[in-house]
Amino acid sequence: MKTPIQKRYPPELAEKLEEIKIEIIERMENPDFDFMEVEEVFQEFGVEPDYIFEVLNEII
């Protein structure tokens, strides 16, 4: 079953956004997590942070 991200975006971008979502979830498990790290994750994956709210909406 496709996630909302996979339904809205082209496959290549959707795949990267899903990977970003997983990475953010893993980092959130760390008690020292700072939401400023979210933008860093996007940079690490080479994706513009324009999609931050799309990803966060799926996490929350």
N, C-alpha and C. Protein backbone atom coordinates (compact mmCIF):
# COMPACT_ATOMS: atom_id res chain seq x y z
N MET A 1 0.84 -1.18 0.00
CA MET A 1 0.00 0.00 0.00
C MET A 1 0.90 1.25 0.00
N LYS A 2 0.54 2.20 -0.79
CA LYS A 2 1.33 3.42 -0.89
C LYS A 2 1.00 4.38 0.25
N THR A 3 2.05 5.05 0.71
CA THR A 3 1.86 6.08 1.73
C THR A 3 1.38 7.35 1.01
N PRO A 4 0.85 8.32 1.75
CA PRO A 4 0.44 9.58 1.11
C PRO A 4 1.57 10.25 0.33
N ILE A 5 2.79 10.17 0.85
CA ILE A 5 3.92 10.76 0.11
C ILE A 5 4.09 10.06 -1.23
N GLN A 6 4.01 8.75 -1.23
CA GLN A 6 4.19 7.99 -2.47
C GLN A 6 3.08 8.27 -3.48
N LYS A 7 1.92 8.63 -2.99
CA LYS A 7 0.81 8.94 -3.89
C LYS A 7 0.94 10.32 -4.53
N ARG A 8 1.59 11.25 -3.83
CA ARG A 8 1.64 12.64 -4.29
C ARG A 8 2.86 13.01 -5.12
N TYR A 9 3.95 12.26 -4.95
CA TYR A 9 5.20 12.69 -5.58
C TYR A 9 5.74 11.63 -6.53
N PRO A 10 6.58 12.06 -7.47
CA PRO A 10 7.20 11.10 -8.39
C PRO A 10 8.00 10.06 -7.60
N PRO A 11 8.14 8.87 -8.13
CA PRO A 11 8.77 7.76 -7.39
C PRO A 11 10.14 8.08 -6.79
N GLU A 12 11.01 8.73 -7.54
CA GLU A 12 12.36 9.01 -7.04
C GLU A 12 12.32 9.93 -5.82
N LEU A 13 11.53 11.00 -5.91
CA LEU A 13 11.41 11.93 -4.79
C LEU A 13 10.70 11.27 -3.61
N ALA A 14 9.65 10.52 -3.90
CA ALA A 14 8.89 9.84 -2.84
C ALA A 14 9.80 8.88 -2.08
N GLU A 15 10.67 8.18 -2.78
CA GLU A 15 11.58 7.25 -2.13
C GLU A 15 12.53 7.99 -1.18
N LYS A 16 13.07 9.10 -1.63
CA LYS A 16 13.96 9.89 -0.77
C LYS A 16 13.21 10.44 0.43
N LEU A 17 11.99 10.90 0.23
CA LEU A 17 11.20 11.44 1.34
C LEU A 17 10.87 10.35 2.36
N GLU A 18 10.62 9.14 1.89
CA GLU A 18 10.36 8.02 2.80
C GLU A 18 11.62 7.70 3.59
N GLU A 19 12.79 7.73 2.95
CA GLU A 19 14.05 7.48 3.65
C GLU A 19 14.31 8.57 4.69
N ILE A 20 14.00 9.80 4.33
CA ILE A 20 14.15 10.92 5.27
C ILE A 20 13.23 10.72 6.46
N LYS A 21 12.01 10.31 6.20
CA LYS A 21 11.04 10.08 7.28
C LYS A 21 11.57 9.02 8.25
N ILE A 22 12.12 7.94 7.73
CA ILE A 22 12.66 6.87 8.57
C ILE A 22 13.84 7.39 9.40
N GLU A 23 14.71 8.16 8.76
CA GLU A 23 15.87 8.72 9.46
C GLU A 23 15.43 9.66 10.58
N ILE A 24 14.45 10.49 10.33
CA ILE A 24 13.96 11.42 11.35
C ILE A 24 13.35 10.64 12.52
N ILE A 25 12.57 9.62 12.22
CA ILE A 25 11.95 8.80 13.28
C ILE A 25 13.04 8.17 14.14
N GLU A 26 14.09 7.65 13.50
CA GLU A 26 15.18 7.05 14.26
C GLU A 26 15.87 8.08 15.14
N ARG A 27 16.10 9.26 14.61
CA ARG A 27 16.76 10.31 15.40
C ARG A 27 15.87 10.79 16.54
N MET A 28 14.57 10.78 16.34
CA MET A 28 13.64 11.24 17.38
C MET A 28 13.68 10.32 18.60
N GLU A 29 14.13 9.10 18.42
CA GLU A 29 14.23 8.17 19.54
C GLU A 29 15.35 8.56 20.50
N ASN A 30 16.27 9.38 20.03
CA ASN A 30 17.37 9.86 20.85
C ASN A 30 16.85 10.98 21.76
N PRO A 31 17.07 10.87 23.07
CA PRO A 31 16.58 11.90 23.99
C PRO A 31 17.16 13.29 23.71
N ASP A 32 18.29 13.35 23.06
CA ASP A 32 18.93 14.64 22.76
C ASP A 32 18.48 15.22 21.42
N PHE A 33 17.47 14.61 20.82
CA PHE A 33 17.00 15.06 19.49
C PHE A 33 16.56 16.52 19.54
N ASP A 34 16.97 17.25 18.52
CA ASP A 34 16.60 18.65 18.37
C ASP A 34 15.93 18.79 17.00
N PHE A 35 14.78 19.41 16.94
CA PHE A 35 14.07 19.52 15.66
C PHE A 35 14.86 20.27 14.59
N MET A 36 15.90 20.97 14.99
CA MET A 36 16.76 21.63 14.00
C MET A 36 17.49 20.59 13.15
N GLU A 37 17.58 19.35 13.65
CA GLU A 37 18.21 18.27 12.90
C GLU A 37 17.42 17.89 11.67
N VAL A 38 16.13 18.19 11.66
CA VAL A 38 15.29 17.80 10.53
C VAL A 38 15.82 18.41 9.24
N GLU A 39 16.16 19.67 9.26
CA GLU A 39 16.70 20.31 8.06
C GLU A 39 18.02 19.66 7.65
N GLU A 40 18.83 19.29 8.63
CA GLU A 40 20.10 18.63 8.34
C GLU A 40 19.88 17.31 7.61
N VAL A 41 18.85 16.57 8.01
CA VAL A 41 18.55 15.30 7.36
C VAL A 41 18.22 15.54 5.88
N PHE A 42 17.43 16.55 5.61
CA PHE A 42 17.11 16.86 4.22
C PHE A 42 18.38 17.17 3.43
N GLN A 43 19.28 17.93 4.04
CA GLN A 43 20.53 18.28 3.37
C GLN A 43 21.37 17.03 3.12
N GLU A 44 21.41 16.12 4.08
CA GLU A 44 22.17 14.89 3.92
C GLU A 44 21.66 14.06 2.74
N PHE A 45 20.35 14.10 2.50
CA PHE A 45 19.76 13.34 1.41
C PHE A 45 19.70 14.14 0.11
N GLY A 46 20.16 15.38 0.15
CA GLY A 46 20.18 16.20 -1.05
C GLY A 46 18.80 16.62 -1.53
N VAL A 47 17.88 16.80 -0.59
CA VAL A 47 16.50 17.19 -0.92
C VAL A 47 16.25 18.57 -0.32
N GLU A 48 15.63 19.44 -1.11
CA GLU A 48 15.27 20.77 -0.61
C GLU A 48 14.33 20.63 0.58
N PRO A 49 14.48 21.47 1.59
CA PRO A 49 13.62 21.37 2.77
C PRO A 49 12.18 21.84 2.54
N ASP A 50 11.81 22.06 1.30
CA ASP A 50 10.43 22.47 0.98
C ASP A 50 9.41 21.42 1.43
N TYR A 51 9.87 20.19 1.61
CA TYR A 51 8.96 19.09 1.91
C TYR A 51 8.94 18.73 3.40
N ILE A 52 9.54 19.56 4.23
CA ILE A 52 9.63 19.27 5.67
C ILE A 52 8.25 18.98 6.26
N PHE A 53 7.28 19.84 5.99
CA PHE A 53 5.97 19.66 6.61
C PHE A 53 5.25 18.42 6.09
N GLU A 54 5.47 18.07 4.83
CA GLU A 54 4.87 16.84 4.30
C GLU A 54 5.37 15.63 5.10
N VAL A 55 6.68 15.59 5.33
CA VAL A 55 7.27 14.46 6.05
C VAL A 55 6.83 14.48 7.51
N LEU A 56 6.91 15.63 8.16
CA LEU A 56 6.53 15.71 9.57
C LEU A 56 5.06 15.36 9.78
N ASN A 57 4.19 15.72 8.85
CA ASN A 57 2.77 15.38 8.96
C ASN A 57 2.56 13.88 8.96
N GLU A 58 3.39 13.15 8.26
CA GLU A 58 3.24 11.70 8.24
C GLU A 58 3.79 11.06 9.51
N ILE A 59 4.74 11.74 10.15
CA ILE A 59 5.33 11.19 11.37
C ILE A 59 4.40 11.42 12.55
N ILE A 60 3.81 12.58 12.60
CA ILE A 60 2.99 12.96 13.77
C ILE A 60 1.60 12.38 13.68
